[in-house]
Amino acid sequence: MATTRLEGDQMCMRIYIGERDKYKGRPLYKAIITYLREKGIAGATVYRAVAGYGPNSYFRSTSLLALSVDLPVVVEVVDDPVKIETVLSGLDNMIQAGMITLQNVHVLTYRPGKS
């Protein structure tokens, strides 16, 4: 099967939050990806970190002794800059503590094409 390659400039948004963070009683990362999907964002990926710390220097990591941990979580999105700008105000209302980074990126997308 042939592959089609699309190329262009997009924006990468990374949302840094904690695993235990909540929004209206549900995990914040789930609320964020649901919101992004409803707003037509192309896709989102959630990464759960092994370790990290934030501005308060509270170190979070996995360990055998800590079964209930609050690990760092990153939600990553790549889409059109205009579409990302439209979701920022909604994210402002959802995130109590965290950080969002925005970065211009050059994207190569591979999709199955017709033979």
N, C-alpha and C. Protein backbone atom coordinates (compact mmCIF):
# COMPACT_ATOMS: atom_id res chain seq x y z
N MET A 1 0.84 -1.18 0.00
CA MET A 1 0.00 0.00 0.00
C MET A 1 0.89 1.24 0.00
N ALA A 2 0.54 2.19 -0.81
CA ALA A 2 1.29 3.44 -0.91
C ALA A 2 1.03 4.30 0.32
N THR A 3 2.00 5.15 0.62
CA THR A 3 1.88 6.06 1.75
C THR A 3 1.90 7.50 1.24
N THR A 4 1.05 8.33 1.81
CA THR A 4 1.03 9.74 1.49
C THR A 4 1.70 10.51 2.61
N ARG A 5 2.61 11.42 2.25
CA ARG A 5 3.28 12.24 3.26
C ARG A 5 2.79 13.67 3.13
N LEU A 6 2.28 14.21 4.25
CA LEU A 6 1.85 15.60 4.32
C LEU A 6 2.87 16.36 5.15
N GLU A 7 3.18 17.58 4.74
CA GLU A 7 4.20 18.35 5.43
C GLU A 7 3.72 19.77 5.64
N GLY A 8 4.02 20.34 6.82
CA GLY A 8 3.64 21.72 7.06
C GLY A 8 3.99 22.19 8.45
N ASP A 9 3.76 23.46 8.70
CA ASP A 9 4.05 24.06 10.00
C ASP A 9 2.81 24.00 10.88
N GLN A 10 3.00 23.59 12.11
CA GLN A 10 1.91 23.45 13.08
C GLN A 10 2.40 23.98 14.43
N MET A 11 1.59 23.79 15.46
CA MET A 11 1.98 24.17 16.81
C MET A 11 1.87 22.95 17.71
N CYS A 12 2.84 22.81 18.60
CA CYS A 12 2.82 21.76 19.61
C CYS A 12 2.49 22.40 20.95
N MET A 13 1.47 21.88 21.60
CA MET A 13 1.09 22.35 22.93
C MET A 13 1.32 21.20 23.91
N ARG A 14 2.04 21.49 24.98
CA ARG A 14 2.25 20.51 26.05
C ARG A 14 1.66 21.07 27.34
N ILE A 15 0.85 20.24 27.97
CA ILE A 15 0.19 20.63 29.21
C ILE A 15 0.76 19.77 30.32
N TYR A 16 1.41 20.39 31.29
CA TYR A 16 2.05 19.69 32.42
C TYR A 16 1.15 19.81 33.64
N ILE A 17 0.68 18.67 34.13
CA ILE A 17 -0.20 18.64 35.30
C ILE A 17 0.20 17.44 36.17
N GLY A 18 -0.53 17.25 37.27
CA GLY A 18 -0.30 16.12 38.16
C GLY A 18 -1.33 15.03 37.93
N GLU A 19 -0.93 13.81 38.17
CA GLU A 19 -1.81 12.66 37.96
C GLU A 19 -3.07 12.73 38.82
N ARG A 20 -2.96 13.28 40.00
CA ARG A 20 -4.12 13.37 40.91
C ARG A 20 -4.99 14.58 40.68
N ASP A 21 -4.58 15.49 39.82
CA ASP A 21 -5.37 16.70 39.57
C ASP A 21 -6.75 16.32 39.04
N LYS A 22 -7.76 17.05 39.51
CA LYS A 22 -9.14 16.76 39.13
C LYS A 22 -9.80 17.98 38.51
N TYR A 23 -10.84 17.69 37.72
CA TYR A 23 -11.72 18.72 37.20
C TYR A 23 -13.13 18.16 37.27
N LYS A 24 -13.95 18.81 38.06
CA LYS A 24 -15.34 18.37 38.28
C LYS A 24 -15.42 16.88 38.64
N GLY A 25 -14.52 16.47 39.53
CA GLY A 25 -14.56 15.12 40.07
C GLY A 25 -13.90 14.03 39.24
N ARG A 26 -13.42 14.36 38.07
CA ARG A 26 -12.76 13.34 37.25
C ARG A 26 -11.31 13.73 37.01
N PRO A 27 -10.46 12.76 36.64
CA PRO A 27 -9.05 13.10 36.39
C PRO A 27 -8.93 14.22 35.35
N LEU A 28 -8.10 15.19 35.68
CA LEU A 28 -7.96 16.37 34.82
C LEU A 28 -7.49 15.99 33.43
N TYR A 29 -6.55 15.05 33.31
CA TYR A 29 -6.05 14.71 31.98
C TYR A 29 -7.16 14.13 31.11
N LYS A 30 -8.08 13.37 31.70
CA LYS A 30 -9.21 12.83 30.93
C LYS A 30 -10.17 13.95 30.53
N ALA A 31 -10.41 14.87 31.45
CA ALA A 31 -11.28 16.01 31.14
C ALA A 31 -10.67 16.86 30.02
N ILE A 32 -9.35 17.03 30.04
CA ILE A 32 -8.68 17.82 29.01
C ILE A 32 -8.80 17.15 27.64
N ILE A 33 -8.52 15.86 27.55
CA ILE A 33 -8.58 15.23 26.22
C ILE A 33 -10.02 15.15 25.70
N THR A 34 -10.98 15.02 26.60
CA THR A 34 -12.39 15.05 26.18
C THR A 34 -12.72 16.43 25.62
N TYR A 35 -12.30 17.48 26.32
CA TYR A 35 -12.52 18.86 25.89
C TYR A 35 -11.87 19.12 24.52
N LEU A 36 -10.61 18.68 24.37
CA LEU A 36 -9.90 18.90 23.12
C LEU A 36 -10.59 18.18 21.95
N ARG A 37 -11.07 16.99 22.22
CA ARG A 37 -11.77 16.23 21.17
C ARG A 37 -13.07 16.95 20.77
N GLU A 38 -13.81 17.43 21.77
CA GLU A 38 -15.05 18.15 21.49
C GLU A 38 -14.81 19.41 20.67
N LYS A 39 -13.64 20.02 20.85
CA LYS A 39 -13.30 21.25 20.14
C LYS A 39 -12.65 21.00 18.78
N GLY A 40 -12.53 19.74 18.38
CA GLY A 40 -12.03 19.42 17.05
C GLY A 40 -10.53 19.39 16.90
N ILE A 41 -9.80 19.30 18.01
CA ILE A 41 -8.35 19.18 17.93
C ILE A 41 -8.01 17.83 17.30
N ALA A 42 -7.00 17.82 16.43
CA ALA A 42 -6.67 16.64 15.62
C ALA A 42 -6.38 15.40 16.46
N GLY A 43 -5.69 15.54 17.57
CA GLY A 43 -5.35 14.40 18.41
C GLY A 43 -4.61 14.85 19.64
N ALA A 44 -4.61 14.01 20.66
CA ALA A 44 -3.90 14.31 21.91
C ALA A 44 -3.32 13.01 22.46
N THR A 45 -2.17 13.11 23.08
CA THR A 45 -1.52 11.97 23.71
C THR A 45 -1.20 12.33 25.15
N VAL A 46 -1.45 11.40 26.07
CA VAL A 46 -1.16 11.62 27.48
C VAL A 46 0.04 10.75 27.85
N TYR A 47 1.05 11.39 28.45
CA TYR A 47 2.24 10.69 28.92
C TYR A 47 2.26 10.74 30.45
N ARG A 48 2.51 9.60 31.06
CA ARG A 48 2.69 9.53 32.52
C ARG A 48 4.18 9.40 32.79
N ALA A 49 4.71 10.33 33.53
CA ALA A 49 6.15 10.37 33.77
C ALA A 49 6.58 9.37 34.84
N VAL A 50 7.84 9.04 34.82
CA VAL A 50 8.43 8.16 35.83
C VAL A 50 8.82 8.97 37.06
N ALA A 51 9.26 10.21 36.83
CA ALA A 51 9.68 11.07 37.94
C ALA A 51 9.67 12.52 37.47
N GLY A 52 9.66 13.45 38.44
CA GLY A 52 9.74 14.86 38.11
C GLY A 52 9.47 15.72 39.33
N TYR A 53 9.66 17.03 39.16
CA TYR A 53 9.31 17.99 40.20
C TYR A 53 8.95 19.30 39.53
N GLY A 54 8.21 20.12 40.24
CA GLY A 54 7.77 21.41 39.72
C GLY A 54 8.37 22.56 40.49
N PRO A 55 7.74 23.74 40.39
CA PRO A 55 8.30 24.93 41.02
C PRO A 55 8.39 24.85 42.54
N ASN A 56 7.58 23.99 43.17
CA ASN A 56 7.66 23.86 44.63
C ASN A 56 8.74 22.87 45.05
N SER A 57 9.44 22.29 44.09
CA SER A 57 10.54 21.32 44.31
C SER A 57 10.08 20.03 44.97
N TYR A 58 8.77 19.77 45.00
CA TYR A 58 8.27 18.50 45.52
C TYR A 58 8.58 17.43 44.50
N PHE A 59 9.41 16.45 44.89
CA PHE A 59 9.85 15.39 43.98
C PHE A 59 8.81 14.28 43.94
N ARG A 60 8.43 13.87 42.75
CA ARG A 60 7.45 12.81 42.57
C ARG A 60 8.10 11.71 41.74
N SER A 61 7.95 10.47 42.21
CA SER A 61 8.51 9.36 41.45
C SER A 61 7.78 8.07 41.79
N THR A 62 8.01 7.07 40.95
CA THR A 62 7.47 5.75 41.24
C THR A 62 8.40 5.07 42.22
N SER A 63 7.86 4.27 43.09
CA SER A 63 8.68 3.46 43.99
C SER A 63 7.83 2.30 44.49
N LEU A 64 8.50 1.28 44.96
CA LEU A 64 7.78 0.12 45.48
C LEU A 64 7.05 0.45 46.77
N LEU A 65 7.53 1.42 47.51
CA LEU A 65 6.92 1.76 48.80
C LEU A 65 5.70 2.66 48.65
N ALA A 66 5.61 3.37 47.55
CA ALA A 66 4.51 4.31 47.37
C ALA A 66 3.54 3.77 46.31
N LEU A 67 2.47 3.16 46.75
CA LEU A 67 1.50 2.62 45.82
C LEU A 67 0.56 3.69 45.29
N SER A 68 0.39 4.75 46.05
CA SER A 68 -0.48 5.84 45.65
C SER A 68 0.39 7.07 45.41
N VAL A 69 0.74 7.33 44.15
CA VAL A 69 1.64 8.43 43.83
C VAL A 69 0.93 9.47 42.99
N ASP A 70 1.50 10.63 42.96
CA ASP A 70 0.99 11.72 42.14
C ASP A 70 2.06 12.07 41.12
N LEU A 71 2.16 11.26 40.09
CA LEU A 71 3.21 11.44 39.09
C LEU A 71 2.87 12.58 38.13
N PRO A 72 3.90 13.17 37.54
CA PRO A 72 3.66 14.19 36.52
C PRO A 72 3.00 13.56 35.29
N VAL A 73 2.12 14.32 34.67
CA VAL A 73 1.42 13.89 33.45
C VAL A 73 1.59 15.01 32.43
N VAL A 74 1.82 14.63 31.17
CA VAL A 74 1.92 15.60 30.09
C VAL A 74 0.89 15.23 29.02
N VAL A 75 0.08 16.20 28.64
CA VAL A 75 -0.85 16.04 27.53
C VAL A 75 -0.23 16.79 26.36
N GLU A 76 0.00 16.10 25.25
CA GLU A 76 0.65 16.72 24.09
C GLU A 76 -0.29 16.73 22.90
N VAL A 77 -0.32 17.87 22.23
CA VAL A 77 -1.20 18.10 21.08
C VAL A 77 -0.39 18.77 19.98
N VAL A 78 -0.60 18.35 18.74
CA VAL A 78 -0.04 19.05 17.60
C VAL A 78 -1.19 19.36 16.65
N ASP A 79 -1.37 20.64 16.35
CA ASP A 79 -2.47 21.05 15.46
C ASP A 79 -2.18 22.45 14.94
N ASP A 80 -3.11 22.96 14.17
CA ASP A 80 -3.03 24.30 13.62
C ASP A 80 -2.97 25.33 14.75
N PRO A 81 -2.08 26.32 14.68
CA PRO A 81 -1.97 27.32 15.75
C PRO A 81 -3.28 28.02 16.07
N VAL A 82 -4.10 28.30 15.07
CA VAL A 82 -5.37 28.97 15.31
C VAL A 82 -6.30 28.09 16.15
N LYS A 83 -6.34 26.79 15.84
CA LYS A 83 -7.18 25.88 16.61
C LYS A 83 -6.69 25.76 18.05
N ILE A 84 -5.38 25.74 18.24
CA ILE A 84 -4.85 25.65 19.61
C ILE A 84 -5.18 26.92 20.38
N GLU A 85 -5.06 28.07 19.74
CA GLU A 85 -5.41 29.33 20.42
C GLU A 85 -6.86 29.33 20.89
N THR A 86 -7.75 28.70 20.13
CA THR A 86 -9.16 28.72 20.49
C THR A 86 -9.48 27.89 21.73
N VAL A 87 -8.63 26.94 22.10
CA VAL A 87 -8.92 26.10 23.27
C VAL A 87 -8.24 26.60 24.55
N LEU A 88 -7.35 27.57 24.44
CA LEU A 88 -6.59 28.01 25.62
C LEU A 88 -7.47 28.59 26.73
N SER A 89 -8.48 29.37 26.39
CA SER A 89 -9.31 29.96 27.44
C SER A 89 -10.07 28.88 28.20
N GLY A 90 -10.52 27.84 27.51
CA GLY A 90 -11.18 26.72 28.19
C GLY A 90 -10.23 25.99 29.12
N LEU A 91 -8.98 25.83 28.69
CA LEU A 91 -7.98 25.18 29.54
C LEU A 91 -7.68 26.04 30.77
N ASP A 92 -7.69 27.37 30.60
CA ASP A 92 -7.48 28.27 31.74
C ASP A 92 -8.48 27.99 32.85
N ASN A 93 -9.70 27.65 32.48
CA ASN A 93 -10.75 27.38 33.47
C ASN A 93 -10.61 26.00 34.10
N MET A 94 -9.89 25.10 33.47
CA MET A 94 -9.78 23.72 33.96
C MET A 94 -8.55 23.49 34.85
N ILE A 95 -7.46 24.17 34.54
CA ILE A 95 -6.17 23.89 35.19
C ILE A 95 -5.97 24.82 36.38
N GLN A 96 -5.86 24.23 37.56
CA GLN A 96 -5.60 25.00 38.79
C GLN A 96 -4.10 25.18 39.04
N ALA A 97 -3.32 24.15 38.73
CA ALA A 97 -1.86 24.21 38.91
C ALA A 97 -1.24 23.42 37.77
N GLY A 98 -0.27 24.01 37.12
CA GLY A 98 0.39 23.33 36.02
C GLY A 98 1.07 24.33 35.12
N MET A 99 1.37 23.88 33.90
CA MET A 99 2.07 24.74 32.95
C MET A 99 1.71 24.28 31.54
N ILE A 100 1.58 25.24 30.64
CA ILE A 100 1.36 24.95 29.23
C ILE A 100 2.51 25.57 28.44
N THR A 101 3.10 24.78 27.55
CA THR A 101 4.11 25.33 26.65
C THR A 101 3.57 25.25 25.23
N LEU A 102 3.93 26.24 24.42
CA LEU A 102 3.54 26.30 23.02
C LEU A 102 4.81 26.44 22.19
N GLN A 103 4.89 25.64 21.13
CA GLN A 103 6.09 25.64 20.31
C GLN A 103 5.71 25.44 18.85
N ASN A 104 6.26 26.27 17.97
CA ASN A 104 6.05 26.07 16.55
C ASN A 104 6.88 24.87 16.11
N VAL A 105 6.27 23.97 15.33
CA VAL A 105 6.95 22.76 14.88
C VAL A 105 6.70 22.55 13.39
N HIS A 106 7.64 21.88 12.76
CA HIS A 106 7.47 21.47 11.36
C HIS A 106 7.12 19.99 11.39
N VAL A 107 6.02 19.62 10.75
CA VAL A 107 5.45 18.29 10.89
C VAL A 107 5.50 17.53 9.57
N LEU A 108 5.87 16.26 9.66
CA LEU A 108 5.74 15.32 8.56
C LEU A 108 4.73 14.28 9.02
N THR A 109 3.62 14.16 8.30
CA THR A 109 2.57 13.21 8.65
C THR A 109 2.48 12.15 7.57
N TYR A 110 2.47 10.90 7.99
CA TYR A 110 2.38 9.79 7.04
C TYR A 110 1.03 9.12 7.17
N ARG A 111 0.35 8.95 6.05
CA ARG A 111 -0.98 8.34 6.04
C ARG A 111 -1.03 7.30 4.94
N PRO A 112 -1.77 6.22 5.20
CA PRO A 112 -1.93 5.23 4.13
C PRO A 112 -2.63 5.87 2.94
N GLY A 113 -2.13 5.57 1.75
CA GLY A 113 -2.74 6.11 0.53
C GLY A 113 -3.32 4.99 -0.30
N LYS A 114 -3.82 5.35 -1.43
CA LYS A 114 -4.39 4.35 -2.35
C LYS A 114 -3.29 3.75 -3.20
N SER A 115 -3.40 2.48 -3.45
CA SER A 115 -2.42 1.79 -4.29
C SER A 115 -2.60 2.15 -5.74
